[in-house]
Structure formats: structure tokens, C-alpha cells
Amino acid sequence: MIYTVWLPLVLPFLAGPAARRLPASLPPRRAVLVLALAAIGLAGASTCALALLVVPGATHVPAVAAVGHLLVPLASGAPDAVVAVAAVAAALLVCCTTLLVRGAGRRQRRLRRARALAARSEGELVVLADHHPDAYALPGRPGRIVVTTGMIRALSAPEREALLAHERAHLKDRHHLFTAVVDLAGLCHPGLRALREPLAYAVERSADESAAAAVGDRGLTARAIARAALAARAASAAATPRPGPALAATSGPVPKRVAALLGVPDPGSGRAMRPLVRRAAALALLSCVVLSAGASLHAADELHDGIEIAQGESP
């Protein structure tokens, strides 16, 4: 356990570079799913590793040893070093747990407020009398698409339909839950914060592709997103703040998204012809998850054997 337990704490730092290339390696919807699952797996493995590091040092406390029926403390190194590592791991575990609970509570409150706002309106579309161009998807039960009169005036009728299709995709695919998962994983391990930007881009790309399929025109979708982003950016200084969990088509690297829409006619069929090297990012990220999970399980198994030995039983 001395060596394997450290892998889940190191590998999340290596996952960031792979995650940044992932949206270009997979179809957007699949990239969103892989990033969210990777964040969950890496966060869970790193948290388990911290807990496993606490146990050996804790057995040097007589009360803990008595509860575990241990005849001797777990032998995993010099006692002073083991206790010091356990103390640091315990402090980090408490810090991560506190941040996670606070972050989850804060997101839940924001989501409740968003749902309360959505419930005040009837119908899918909510039009705000505001000359500042803006449009976003507001999660709720059901969700709502909020658009200002300024945005309506900034786009043509076909462009508005493409923009609404984009926001509708955010609600249908529940993208706010994926962003919440990755944000909370970043509170468990600082290395996982690097997954937030790729996830945000993949979410927008997924909605872009859904909108293009809905209106049947990739060029129109690209033009709608570009014009909406330009209009919103021009008025961003005086724009009304959006609710916390809102997702907007004007977010993220819009020029890169527009180029993807115009340059890749059919991502589903084109994916099969991509070189294997372009899938290396997905393989690297999944390898980090598998290695982290395997290292945590191996360390837990070694710890179990050590406890049996300390209890005077056969390993």
C-alpha cells in the first residue's frame, strides 16, 4: 500500500492534459459522458486513497487499536512518518469533505431558485423585456428557455429557431447535471479542476450538434451562434446576471465551435475515419481512471491483509 495508494492522488493531475484534447477525439455527446464519468472515478479513487492513508496512522492511537482489536499498530513504515502522513491525509479529507458538502449545498440552492423561477412561467419559452441580447436554458421541472427581446431583435427568424434548438438540447440532455458533477469533483481533488473547461466546451458542442440536426442546416446554426455571441458580448457590461445553473449558447470558445460546425459535415460518420492518434486522449483519460481505481482496490486489499496480521490472524 505504501506505493500504490499514492497513484490515485497523482493521476488526476495527468488527466487534465488528456481531457483538454478529448472533445476533438470523440463525438460531443460521448465526450460529455466520458468526462463526467472520469471525474467521478478519479474523485472517488483519490478520496478513498486519502482514507486509506489515514488508517495506518490511526492504529497508533490506543483507542483506535482497541476498537479494531489490533494487537500491534499496522506496520507500514516508521511510526512517526506514518502518523504524520495520516494527520495530513485526515486534514485533507476533512477539507475536501467540507468543500464538497458546501459546494453541493450551494448548487442545490441555486437549482431550487432556478426551478422556482422556471415554475413562475407557463410554456417552454420565456421572453424578457430587456434590450440587452441574451438567451439561456434554465433547468427546472420542466425547464424553460429564457430569451430577451434584445436577442430576438438581433437574430432573424431562422437564426432564432436554431438558437432555441440549442437551448432546448441543454434541457433535454440535462447538461447542468454534468457540469455539476465535474465542478464537485474539482472540489475533491485540485487536479480535476482542469476538466471543467473541456466539459463546458463539450456540452456546448453537444448542444450545437443537436441544434444543427434539429434545423437541418449546420451553416445556419453556426451563423446563429456567432451572431448571438457577438450581440451578447457587445452588451455584456450592462447585461442582467443569469441564474447560477443557466446554460447559454454564447458561452465558451464560440469561434472554435463555429469552425467545428462548418468544418465537420457529419461527426458521426467522420469519427470512424479519424486516425488512432486522435483517440489517444480518450485512451489516456480512461487509463488514468482504470489505474486509479485499480490502485485504490489494491491498496485496500493490502490494508485488509495488514489488519488481519495486526489482529494476530493469518494473512
C-alpha atoms as a PDB file:
ATOM      1  CA  MET A   1       0.000   0.000   0.000  1.00  0.00           C
ATOM      2  CA  ILE A   2       2.986   2.296   0.532  1.00  0.00           C
ATOM      3  CA  TYR A   3       3.332   2.862  -3.212  1.00  0.00           C
ATOM      4  CA  THR A   4       0.008   2.047  -4.843  1.00  0.00           C
ATOM      5  CA  VAL A   5      -2.011   4.296  -2.551  1.00  0.00           C
ATOM      6  CA  TRP A   6      -0.285   7.370  -3.974  1.00  0.00           C
ATOM      7  CA  LEU A   7      -1.281   6.704  -7.591  1.00  0.00           C
ATOM      8  CA  PRO A   8      -4.919   7.915  -7.213  1.00  0.00           C
ATOM      9  CA  LEU A   9      -3.578  11.157  -5.752  1.00  0.00           C
ATOM     10  CA  VAL A  10      -1.160  11.774  -8.637  1.00  0.00           C
ATOM     11  CA  LEU A  11      -3.097  10.587 -11.689  1.00  0.00           C
ATOM     12  CA  PRO A  12      -5.791  13.340 -11.600  1.00  0.00           C
ATOM     13  CA  PHE A  13      -3.034  15.858 -12.403  1.00  0.00           C
ATOM     14  CA  LEU A  14      -2.249  13.847 -15.543  1.00  0.00           C
ATOM     15  CA  ALA A  15      -5.909  13.626 -16.551  1.00  0.00           C
ATOM     16  CA  GLY A  16      -6.150  17.351 -17.278  1.00  0.00           C
ATOM     17  CA  PRO A  17      -3.956  17.383 -20.423  1.00  0.00           C
ATOM     18  CA  ALA A  18      -5.806  14.360 -21.817  1.00  0.00           C
ATOM     19  CA  ALA A  19      -9.188  15.913 -21.034  1.00  0.00           C
ATOM     20  CA  ARG A  20      -8.346  19.081 -22.951  1.00  0.00           C
ATOM     21  CA  ARG A  21      -7.976  17.066 -26.168  1.00  0.00           C
ATOM     22  CA  LEU A  22     -10.930  14.789 -25.562  1.00  0.00           C
ATOM     23  CA  PRO A  23     -13.680  16.898 -27.239  1.00  0.00           C
ATOM     24  CA  ALA A  24     -11.707  16.677 -30.501  1.00  0.00           C
ATOM     25  CA  SER A  25     -11.324  12.909 -30.163  1.00  0.00           C
ATOM     26  CA  LEU A  26     -14.934  11.851 -29.582  1.00  0.00           C
ATOM     27  CA  PRO A  27     -18.410  12.945 -30.681  1.00  0.00           C
ATOM     28  CA  PRO A  28     -19.511  15.763 -28.342  1.00  0.00           C
ATOM     29  CA  ARG A  29     -22.244  13.832 -26.551  1.00  0.00           C
ATOM     30  CA  ARG A  30     -19.913  10.921 -25.846  1.00  0.00           C
ATOM     31  CA  ALA A  31     -17.170  13.312 -24.732  1.00  0.00           C
ATOM     32  CA  VAL A  32     -19.551  14.820 -22.164  1.00  0.00           C
ATOM     33  CA  LEU A  33     -20.331  11.383 -20.740  1.00  0.00           C
ATOM     34  CA  VAL A  34     -16.682  10.245 -20.661  1.00  0.00           C
ATOM     35  CA  LEU A  35     -15.534  13.439 -18.929  1.00  0.00           C
ATOM     36  CA  ALA A  36     -18.249  13.187 -16.273  1.00  0.00           C
ATOM     37  CA  LEU A  37     -17.575   9.509 -15.588  1.00  0.00           C
ATOM     38  CA  ALA A  38     -13.828  10.140 -15.462  1.00  0.00           C
ATOM     39  CA  ALA A  39     -14.340  12.944 -12.962  1.00  0.00           C
ATOM     40  CA  ILE A  40     -16.462  10.695 -10.747  1.00  0.00           C
ATOM     41  CA  GLY A  41     -13.996   7.813 -10.926  1.00  0.00           C
ATOM     42  CA  LEU A  42     -10.893   9.903 -10.274  1.00  0.00           C
ATOM     43  CA  ALA A  43     -12.532  11.867  -7.454  1.00  0.00           C
ATOM     44  CA  GLY A  44     -13.775   8.683  -5.782  1.00  0.00           C
ATOM     45  CA  ALA A  45     -10.394   6.957  -6.080  1.00  0.00           C
ATOM     46  CA  SER A  46      -8.465   9.922  -4.686  1.00  0.00           C
ATOM     47  CA  THR A  47     -10.870  10.249  -1.762  1.00  0.00           C
ATOM     48  CA  CYS A  48     -10.521   6.538  -0.989  1.00  0.00           C
ATOM     49  CA  ALA A  49      -6.734   6.899  -1.137  1.00  0.00           C
ATOM     50  CA  LEU A  50      -6.808   9.653   1.477  1.00  0.00           C
ATOM     51  CA  ALA A  51      -8.966   7.481   3.729  1.00  0.00           C
ATOM     52  CA  LEU A  52      -6.572   4.546   3.293  1.00  0.00           C
ATOM     53  CA  LEU A  53      -3.636   6.761   4.279  1.00  0.00           C
ATOM     54  CA  VAL A  54      -5.409   7.742   7.497  1.00  0.00           C
ATOM     55  CA  VAL A  55      -5.927   4.188   8.764  1.00  0.00           C
ATOM     56  CA  PRO A  56      -2.309   3.070   9.438  1.00  0.00           C
ATOM     57  CA  GLY A  57      -1.512   6.174  11.467  1.00  0.00           C
ATOM     58  CA  ALA A  58      -4.812   6.000  13.309  1.00  0.00           C
ATOM     59  CA  THR A  59      -3.963   2.498  14.586  1.00  0.00           C
ATOM     60  CA  HIS A  60      -1.140   4.036  16.619  1.00  0.00           C
ATOM     61  CA  VAL A  61      -3.854   5.613  18.778  1.00  0.00           C
ATOM     62  CA  PRO A  62      -4.640   3.082  21.553  1.00  0.00           C
ATOM     63  CA  ALA A  63      -8.397   3.698  21.394  1.00  0.00           C
ATOM     64  CA  VAL A  64      -8.490   3.031  17.663  1.00  0.00           C
ATOM     65  CA  ALA A  65      -6.356  -0.095  18.046  1.00  0.00           C
ATOM     66  CA  ALA A  66      -8.706  -1.362  20.749  1.00  0.00           C
ATOM     67  CA  VAL A  67     -11.769  -0.827  18.541  1.00  0.00           C
ATOM     68  CA  GLY A  68     -10.085  -2.751  15.729  1.00  0.00           C
ATOM     69  CA  HIS A  69      -8.910  -5.496  18.075  1.00  0.00           C
ATOM     70  CA  LEU A  70      -5.340  -4.891  16.929  1.00  0.00           C
ATOM     71  CA  LEU A  71      -2.507  -6.437  18.916  1.00  0.00           C
ATOM     72  CA  VAL A  72       0.007  -4.070  17.305  1.00  0.00           C
ATOM     73  CA  PRO A  73      -0.296  -0.989  15.072  1.00  0.00           C
ATOM     74  CA  LEU A  74      -0.204  -1.567  11.344  1.00  0.00           C
ATOM     75  CA  ALA A  75       3.387  -1.877  10.177  1.00  0.00           C
ATOM     76  CA  SER A  76       3.704   0.295   7.055  1.00  0.00           C
ATOM     77  CA  GLY A  77       6.826   2.353   7.797  1.00  0.00           C
ATOM     78  CA  ALA A  78       8.446   4.410  10.523  1.00  0.00           C
ATOM     79  CA  PRO A  79       5.816   5.207  13.182  1.00  0.00           C
ATOM     80  CA  ASP A  80       6.496   8.957  13.187  1.00  0.00           C
ATOM     81  CA  ALA A  81       6.254   9.166   9.408  1.00  0.00           C
ATOM     82  CA  VAL A  82       3.088   7.041   9.315  1.00  0.00           C
ATOM     83  CA  VAL A  83       1.371   9.190  11.936  1.00  0.00           C
ATOM     84  CA  ALA A  84       2.434  12.407  10.164  1.00  0.00           C
ATOM     85  CA  VAL A  85       1.120  11.182   6.816  1.00  0.00           C
ATOM     86  CA  ALA A  86      -2.135  10.085   8.453  1.00  0.00           C
ATOM     87  CA  ALA A  87      -2.575  13.512  10.061  1.00  0.00           C
ATOM     88  CA  VAL A  88      -2.050  15.321   6.762  1.00  0.00           C
ATOM     89  CA  ALA A  89      -4.361  12.913   4.927  1.00  0.00           C
ATOM     90  CA  ALA A  90      -7.037  13.341   7.583  1.00  0.00           C
ATOM     91  CA  ALA A  91      -6.813  17.132   7.325  1.00  0.00           C
ATOM     92  CA  LEU A  92      -7.103  16.954   3.525  1.00  0.00           C
ATOM     93  CA  LEU A  93     -10.018  14.537   3.790  1.00  0.00           C
ATOM     94  CA  VAL A  94     -11.881  16.844   6.167  1.00  0.00           C
ATOM     95  CA  CYS A  95     -11.147  19.826   3.919  1.00  0.00           C
ATOM     96  CA  CYS A  96     -12.360  18.031   0.780  1.00  0.00           C
ATOM     97  CA  THR A  97     -15.482  16.780   2.537  1.00  0.00           C
ATOM     98  CA  THR A  98     -16.294  20.264   3.808  1.00  0.00           C
ATOM     99  CA  LEU A  99     -15.790  21.819   0.379  1.00  0.00           C
ATOM    100  CA  LEU A 100     -17.860  19.090  -1.248  1.00  0.00           C
ATOM    101  CA  VAL A 101     -20.766  19.453   1.180  1.00  0.00           C
ATOM    102  CA  ARG A 102     -20.743  23.243   0.887  1.00  0.00           C
ATOM    103  CA  GLY A 103     -20.442  23.106  -2.898  1.00  0.00           C
ATOM    104  CA  ALA A 104     -23.280  20.601  -3.213  1.00  0.00           C
ATOM    105  CA  GLY A 105     -25.459  22.679  -0.911  1.00  0.00           C
ATOM    106  CA  ARG A 106     -24.712  25.858  -2.817  1.00  0.00           C
ATOM    107  CA  ARG A 107     -25.543  24.212  -6.143  1.00  0.00           C
ATOM    108  CA  GLN A 108     -28.731  22.735  -4.737  1.00  0.00           C
ATOM    109  CA  ARG A 109     -29.872  26.154  -3.531  1.00  0.00           C
ATOM    110  CA  ARG A 110     -29.132  27.688  -6.925  1.00  0.00           C
ATOM    111  CA  LEU A 111     -31.007  24.889  -8.658  1.00  0.00           C
ATOM    112  CA  ARG A 112     -34.025  25.367  -6.378  1.00  0.00           C
ATOM    113  CA  ARG A 113     -34.068  29.078  -7.160  1.00  0.00           C
ATOM    114  CA  ALA A 114     -33.811  28.318 -10.879  1.00  0.00           C
ATOM    115  CA  ARG A 115     -36.672  25.849 -10.648  1.00  0.00           C
ATOM    116  CA  ALA A 116     -38.745  28.395  -8.741  1.00  0.00           C
ATOM    117  CA  LEU A 117     -38.130  30.953 -11.486  1.00  0.00           C
ATOM    118  CA  ALA A 118     -38.991  28.419 -14.166  1.00  0.00           C
ATOM    119  CA  ALA A 119     -42.198  27.431 -12.389  1.00  0.00           C
ATOM    120  CA  ARG A 120     -43.482  31.015 -12.498  1.00  0.00           C
ATOM    121  CA  SER A 121     -43.902  30.873 -16.266  1.00  0.00           C
ATOM    122  CA  GLU A 122     -46.149  28.767 -18.434  1.00  0.00           C
ATOM    123  CA  GLY A 123     -44.855  27.240 -21.618  1.00  0.00           C
ATOM    124  CA  GLU A 124     -41.321  26.404 -22.694  1.00  0.00           C
ATOM    125  CA  LEU A 125     -40.323  29.892 -23.860  1.00  0.00           C
ATOM    126  CA  VAL A 126     -39.999  32.896 -21.545  1.00  0.00           C
ATOM    127  CA  VAL A 127     -39.461  36.291 -23.201  1.00  0.00           C
ATOM    128  CA  LEU A 128     -37.964  39.012 -21.014  1.00  0.00           C
ATOM    129  CA  ALA A 129     -38.489  42.673 -21.873  1.00  0.00           C
ATOM    130  CA  ASP A 130     -34.798  43.570 -21.886  1.00  0.00           C
ATOM    131  CA  HIS A 131     -32.951  45.321 -24.703  1.00  0.00           C
ATOM    132  CA  HIS A 132     -29.690  43.535 -23.799  1.00  0.00           C
ATOM    133  CA  PRO A 133     -29.338  40.433 -26.039  1.00  0.00           C
ATOM    134  CA  ASP A 134     -29.274  37.205 -24.035  1.00  0.00           C
ATOM    135  CA  ALA A 135     -30.664  33.686 -24.151  1.00  0.00           C
ATOM    136  CA  TYR A 136     -30.160  30.695 -21.881  1.00  0.00           C
ATOM    137  CA  ALA A 137     -31.623  27.394 -20.723  1.00  0.00           C
ATOM    138  CA  LEU A 138     -32.988  27.437 -17.179  1.00  0.00           C
ATOM    139  CA  PRO A 139     -33.230  23.986 -15.563  1.00  0.00           C
ATOM    140  CA  GLY A 140     -36.492  23.237 -13.798  1.00  0.00           C
ATOM    141  CA  ARG A 141     -39.476  20.898 -13.708  1.00  0.00           C
ATOM    142  CA  PRO A 142     -39.960  21.411 -16.573  1.00  0.00           C
ATOM    143  CA  GLY A 143     -37.108  23.630 -17.724  1.00  0.00           C
ATOM    144  CA  ARG A 144     -37.549  26.907 -19.537  1.00  0.00           C
ATOM    145  CA  ILE A 145     -35.772  28.717 -22.357  1.00  0.00           C
ATOM    146  CA  VAL A 146     -35.276  32.368 -21.481  1.00  0.00           C
ATOM    147  CA  VAL A 147     -34.655  34.893 -24.243  1.00  0.00           C
ATOM    148  CA  THR A 148     -34.644  38.695 -24.122  1.00  0.00           C
ATOM    149  CA  THR A 149     -36.318  40.987 -26.609  1.00  0.00           C
ATOM    150  CA  GLY A 150     -32.851  42.305 -27.439  1.00  0.00           C
ATOM    151  CA  MET A 151     -31.756  38.857 -28.602  1.00  0.00           C
ATOM    152  CA  ILE A 152     -34.947  38.399 -30.594  1.00  0.00           C
ATOM    153  CA  ARG A 153     -34.253  41.644 -32.478  1.00  0.00           C
ATOM    154  CA  ALA A 154     -30.597  40.662 -33.062  1.00  0.00           C
ATOM    155  CA  LEU A 155     -31.437  37.455 -34.959  1.00  0.00           C
ATOM    156  CA  SER A 156     -33.527  36.538 -37.953  1.00  0.00           C
ATOM    157  CA  ALA A 157     -36.408  34.094 -37.567  1.00  0.00           C
ATOM    158  CA  PRO A 158     -34.410  31.039 -38.781  1.00  0.00           C
ATOM    159  CA  GLU A 159     -31.492  32.018 -36.557  1.00  0.00           C
ATOM    160  CA  ARG A 160     -33.808  32.305 -33.555  1.00  0.00           C
ATOM    161  CA  GLU A 161     -35.100  28.809 -34.247  1.00  0.00           C
ATOM    162  CA  ALA A 162     -31.529  27.455 -34.296  1.00  0.00           C
ATOM    163  CA  LEU A 163     -30.706  29.258 -31.055  1.00  0.00           C
ATOM    164  CA  LEU A 164     -33.827  27.894 -29.359  1.00  0.00           C
ATOM    165  CA  ALA A 165     -32.949  24.394 -30.570  1.00  0.00           C
ATOM    166  CA  HIS A 166     -29.535  24.770 -28.931  1.00  0.00           C
ATOM    167  CA  GLU A 167     -31.023  25.773 -25.587  1.00  0.00           C
ATOM    168  CA  ARG A 168     -33.652  23.048 -25.888  1.00  0.00           C
ATOM    169  CA  ALA A 169     -30.837  20.492 -26.222  1.00  0.00           C
ATOM    170  CA  HIS A 170     -29.322  21.716 -22.944  1.00  0.00           C
ATOM    171  CA  LEU A 171     -32.594  20.999 -21.177  1.00  0.00           C
ATOM    172  CA  LYS A 172     -33.275  17.680 -22.869  1.00  0.00           C
ATOM    173  CA  ASP A 173     -29.808  16.275 -22.191  1.00  0.00           C
ATOM    174  CA  ARG A 174     -29.717  17.734 -18.641  1.00  0.00           C
ATOM    175  CA  HIS A 175     -26.317  19.272 -19.197  1.00  0.00           C
ATOM    176  CA  HIS A 176     -26.475  21.167 -15.897  1.00  0.00           C
ATOM    177  CA  LEU A 177     -26.081  17.850 -14.065  1.00  0.00           C
ATOM    178  CA  PHE A 178     -22.872  17.002 -15.956  1.00  0.00           C
ATOM    179  CA  THR A 179     -21.380  20.400 -15.188  1.00  0.00           C
ATOM    180  CA  ALA A 180     -22.332  19.986 -11.536  1.00  0.00           C
ATOM    181  CA  VAL A 181     -20.612  16.573 -11.372  1.00  0.00           C
ATOM    182  CA  VAL A 182     -17.343  17.905 -12.784  1.00  0.00           C
ATOM    183  CA  ASP A 183     -17.431  21.038 -10.618  1.00  0.00           C
ATOM    184  CA  LEU A 184     -17.952  18.966  -7.467  1.00  0.00           C
ATOM    185  CA  ALA A 185     -15.203  16.529  -8.491  1.00  0.00           C
ATOM    186  CA  GLY A 186     -12.864  19.526  -8.697  1.00  0.00           C
ATOM    187  CA  LEU A 187     -13.575  20.177  -5.032  1.00  0.00           C
ATOM    188  CA  CYS A 188     -12.405  16.653  -4.172  1.00  0.00           C
ATOM    189  CA  HIS A 189      -9.079  16.964  -5.992  1.00  0.00           C
ATOM    190  CA  PRO A 190      -7.476  20.155  -7.399  1.00  0.00           C
ATOM    191  CA  GLY A 191      -6.184  18.296 -10.451  1.00  0.00           C
ATOM    192  CA  LEU A 192      -9.746  17.631 -11.593  1.00  0.00           C
ATOM    193  CA  ARG A 193     -10.492  21.336 -11.946  1.00  0.00           C
ATOM    194  CA  ALA A 194      -8.763  21.089 -15.329  1.00  0.00           C
ATOM    195  CA  LEU A 195     -11.738  19.027 -16.542  1.00  0.00           C
ATOM    196  CA  ARG A 196     -14.170  21.917 -16.164  1.00  0.00           C
ATOM    197  CA  GLU A 197     -13.186  23.792 -19.315  1.00  0.00           C
ATOM    198  CA  PRO A 198     -13.192  20.736 -21.629  1.00  0.00           C
ATOM    199  CA  LEU A 199     -16.541  19.657 -20.181  1.00  0.00           C
ATOM    200  CA  ALA A 200     -18.051  23.114 -20.730  1.00  0.00           C
ATOM    201  CA  TYR A 201     -16.837  23.076 -24.338  1.00  0.00           C
ATOM    202  CA  ALA A 202     -18.111  19.538 -24.938  1.00  0.00           C
ATOM    203  CA  VAL A 203     -21.514  20.463 -23.509  1.00  0.00           C
ATOM    204  CA  GLU A 204     -21.841  23.413 -25.866  1.00  0.00           C
ATOM    205  CA  ARG A 205     -20.635  21.353 -28.822  1.00  0.00           C
ATOM    206  CA  SER A 206     -23.189  18.676 -27.991  1.00  0.00           C
ATOM    207  CA  ALA A 207     -25.967  21.272 -27.974  1.00  0.00           C
ATOM    208  CA  ASP A 208     -24.590  22.759 -31.224  1.00  0.00           C
ATOM    209  CA  GLU A 209     -24.822  19.406 -32.964  1.00  0.00           C
ATOM    210  CA  SER A 210     -28.322  18.785 -31.645  1.00  0.00           C
ATOM    211  CA  ALA A 211     -29.422  22.206 -32.900  1.00  0.00           C
ATOM    212  CA  ALA A 212     -27.867  21.604 -36.321  1.00  0.00           C
ATOM    213  CA  ALA A 213     -29.693  18.285 -36.585  1.00  0.00           C
ATOM    214  CA  ALA A 214     -32.985  19.886 -35.490  1.00  0.00           C
ATOM    215  CA  VAL A 215     -32.929  22.714 -38.046  1.00  0.00           C
ATOM    216  CA  GLY A 216     -31.185  20.663 -40.726  1.00  0.00           C
ATOM    217  CA  ASP A 217     -28.628  23.375 -41.542  1.00  0.00           C
ATOM    218  CA  ARG A 218     -25.147  23.479 -39.994  1.00  0.00           C
ATOM    219  CA  GLY A 219     -24.343  26.821 -41.612  1.00  0.00           C
ATOM    220  CA  LEU A 220     -27.485  28.417 -40.208  1.00  0.00           C
ATOM    221  CA  THR A 221     -26.693  27.047 -36.734  1.00  0.00           C
ATOM    222  CA  ALA A 222     -23.127  28.366 -36.898  1.00  0.00           C
ATOM    223  CA  ARG A 223     -24.343  31.777 -38.046  1.00  0.00           C
ATOM    224  CA  ALA A 224     -26.977  31.950 -35.293  1.00  0.00           C
ATOM    225  CA  ILE A 225     -24.480  31.124 -32.569  1.00  0.00           C
ATOM    226  CA  ALA A 226     -21.899  33.574 -33.907  1.00  0.00           C
ATOM    227  CA  ARG A 227     -24.380  36.456 -34.207  1.00  0.00           C
ATOM    228  CA  ALA A 228     -25.898  35.741 -30.804  1.00  0.00           C
ATOM    229  CA  ALA A 229     -22.442  35.689 -29.196  1.00  0.00           C
ATOM    230  CA  LEU A 230     -21.423  38.948 -30.855  1.00  0.00           C
ATOM    231  CA  ALA A 231     -24.652  40.648 -29.792  1.00  0.00           C
ATOM    232  CA  ALA A 232     -24.387  39.376 -26.215  1.00  0.00           C
ATOM    233  CA  ARG A 233     -20.713  40.316 -25.927  1.00  0.00           C
ATOM    234  CA  ALA A 234     -21.359  43.841 -27.120  1.00  0.00           C
ATOM    235  CA  ALA A 235     -23.870  44.346 -24.300  1.00  0.00           C
ATOM    236  CA  SER A 236     -22.213  42.140 -21.650  1.00  0.00           C
ATOM    237  CA  ALA A 237     -21.209  45.028 -19.373  1.00  0.00           C
ATOM    238  CA  ALA A 238     -24.814  46.054 -18.766  1.00  0.00           C
ATOM    239  CA  ALA A 239     -26.459  42.634 -19.057  1.00  0.00           C
ATOM    240  CA  THR A 240     -28.579  41.210 -16.249  1.00  0.00           C
ATOM    241  CA  PRO A 241     -26.763  38.351 -14.439  1.00  0.00           C
ATOM    242  CA  ARG A 242     -28.042  34.882 -15.309  1.00  0.00           C
ATOM    243  CA  PRO A 243     -29.232  32.408 -12.662  1.00  0.00           C
ATOM    244  CA  GLY A 244     -26.464  30.111 -11.404  1.00  0.00           C
ATOM    245  CA  PRO A 245     -27.231  26.852 -13.275  1.00  0.00           C
ATOM    246  CA  ALA A 246     -28.225  28.536 -16.561  1.00  0.00           C
ATOM    247  CA  LEU A 247     -26.524  27.348 -19.769  1.00  0.00           C
ATOM    248  CA  ALA A 248     -26.180  29.651 -22.763  1.00  0.00           C
ATOM    249  CA  ALA A 249     -25.285  29.185 -26.422  1.00  0.00           C
ATOM    250  CA  THR A 250     -22.994  32.209 -26.231  1.00  0.00           C
ATOM    251  CA  SER A 251     -20.678  30.555 -23.677  1.00  0.00           C
ATOM    252  CA  GLY A 252     -17.240  29.104 -24.284  1.00  0.00           C
ATOM    253  CA  PRO A 253     -14.941  29.460 -27.309  1.00  0.00           C
ATOM    254  CA  VAL A 254     -17.557  30.446 -29.875  1.00  0.00           C
ATOM    255  CA  PRO A 255     -15.149  30.786 -32.854  1.00  0.00           C
ATOM    256  CA  LYS A 256     -13.881  27.243 -32.246  1.00  0.00           C
ATOM    257  CA  ARG A 257     -17.445  25.932 -32.029  1.00  0.00           C
ATOM    258  CA  VAL A 258     -18.465  27.742 -35.210  1.00  0.00           C
ATOM    259  CA  ALA A 259     -15.433  26.323 -37.032  1.00  0.00           C
ATOM    260  CA  ALA A 260     -16.375  22.819 -35.865  1.00  0.00           C
ATOM    261  CA  LEU A 261     -19.892  23.242 -37.205  1.00  0.00           C
ATOM    262  CA  LEU A 262     -18.687  24.499 -40.563  1.00  0.00           C
ATOM    263  CA  GLY A 263     -15.730  22.156 -40.951  1.00  0.00           C
ATOM    264  CA  VAL A 264     -17.169  18.769 -39.919  1.00  0.00           C
ATOM    265  CA  PRO A 265     -20.290  17.949 -42.003  1.00  0.00           C
ATOM    266  CA  ASP A 266     -21.058  14.648 -40.270  1.00  0.00           C
ATOM    267  CA  PRO A 267     -19.256  13.984 -36.969  1.00  0.00           C
ATOM    268  CA  GLY A 268     -20.939  10.596 -36.551  1.00  0.00           C
ATOM    269  CA  SER A 269     -19.567   9.074 -39.771  1.00  0.00           C
ATOM    270  CA  GLY A 270     -16.325  11.033 -39.780  1.00  0.00           C
ATOM    271  CA  ARG A 271     -15.347   9.718 -36.389  1.00  0.00           C
ATOM    272  CA  ALA A 272     -14.675   6.232 -37.787  1.00  0.00           C
ATOM    273  CA  MET A 273     -12.073   7.615 -40.211  1.00  0.00           C
ATOM    274  CA  ARG A 274     -10.083   9.557 -37.650  1.00  0.00           C
ATOM    275  CA  PRO A 275      -6.536   8.350 -37.001  1.00  0.00           C
ATOM    276  CA  LEU A 276      -5.983   6.357 -33.858  1.00  0.00           C
ATOM    277  CA  VAL A 277      -3.733   9.095 -32.532  1.00  0.00           C
ATOM    278  CA  ARG A 278      -6.729  11.399 -32.222  1.00  0.00           C
ATOM    279  CA  ARG A 279      -8.307   8.912 -29.839  1.00  0.00           C
ATOM    280  CA  ALA A 280      -5.203   8.821 -27.668  1.00  0.00           C
ATOM    281  CA  ALA A 281      -6.718  11.452 -25.374  1.00  0.00           C
ATOM    282  CA  ALA A 282      -9.717   9.246 -24.609  1.00  0.00           C
ATOM    283  CA  LEU A 283      -7.476   6.231 -24.048  1.00  0.00           C
ATOM    284  CA  ALA A 284      -5.168   8.236 -21.771  1.00  0.00           C
ATOM    285  CA  LEU A 285      -8.065   9.566 -19.700  1.00  0.00           C
ATOM    286  CA  LEU A 286      -9.674   6.161 -19.328  1.00  0.00           C
ATOM    287  CA  SER A 287      -6.287   4.695 -18.414  1.00  0.00           C
ATOM    288  CA  CYS A 288      -5.984   7.213 -15.597  1.00  0.00           C
ATOM    289  CA  VAL A 289      -9.384   6.150 -14.267  1.00  0.00           C
ATOM    290  CA  VAL A 290      -8.624   2.432 -14.513  1.00  0.00           C
ATOM    291  CA  LEU A 291      -5.206   2.788 -12.892  1.00  0.00           C
ATOM    292  CA  SER A 292      -6.628   4.959 -10.099  1.00  0.00           C
ATOM    293  CA  ALA A 293      -9.439   2.522  -9.351  1.00  0.00           C
ATOM    294  CA  GLY A 294      -7.109  -0.474  -9.530  1.00  0.00           C
ATOM    295  CA  ALA A 295      -4.533   1.160  -7.272  1.00  0.00           C
ATOM    296  CA  SER A 296      -7.206   2.030  -4.693  1.00  0.00           C
ATOM    297  CA  LEU A 297      -8.542  -1.532  -4.673  1.00  0.00           C
ATOM    298  CA  HIS A 298      -5.028  -2.973  -4.406  1.00  0.00           C
ATOM    299  CA  ALA A 299      -4.164  -0.630  -1.550  1.00  0.00           C
ATOM    300  CA  ALA A 300      -7.412  -1.530   0.242  1.00  0.00           C
ATOM    301  CA  ASP A 301      -6.653  -5.234  -0.173  1.00  0.00           C
ATOM    302  CA  GLU A 302      -3.152  -4.765   1.254  1.00  0.00           C
ATOM    303  CA  LEU A 303      -4.575  -2.774   4.147  1.00  0.00           C
ATOM    304  CA  HIS A 304      -7.046  -5.564   4.868  1.00  0.00           C
ATOM    305  CA  ASP A 305      -4.200  -8.106   4.941  1.00  0.00           C
ATOM    306  CA  GLY A 306      -2.238  -5.827   7.266  1.00  0.00           C
ATOM    307  CA  ILE A 307      -5.190  -5.538   9.644  1.00  0.00           C
ATOM    308  CA  GLU A 308      -5.530  -9.317   9.805  1.00  0.00           C
ATOM    309  CA  ILE A 309      -1.822  -9.636  10.605  1.00  0.00           C
ATOM    310  CA  ALA A 310      -2.074  -6.946  13.293  1.00  0.00           C
ATOM    311  CA  GLN A 311      -5.034  -8.819  14.797  1.00  0.00           C
ATOM    312  CA  GLY A 312      -2.887 -11.941  15.082  1.00  0.00           C
ATOM    313  CA  GLU A 313      -4.665 -13.768  12.260  1.00  0.00           C
ATOM    314  CA  SER A 314      -3.141 -15.430   9.231  1.00  0.00           C
ATOM    315  CA  PRO A 315      -2.879 -13.176   6.153  1.00  0.00           C
END
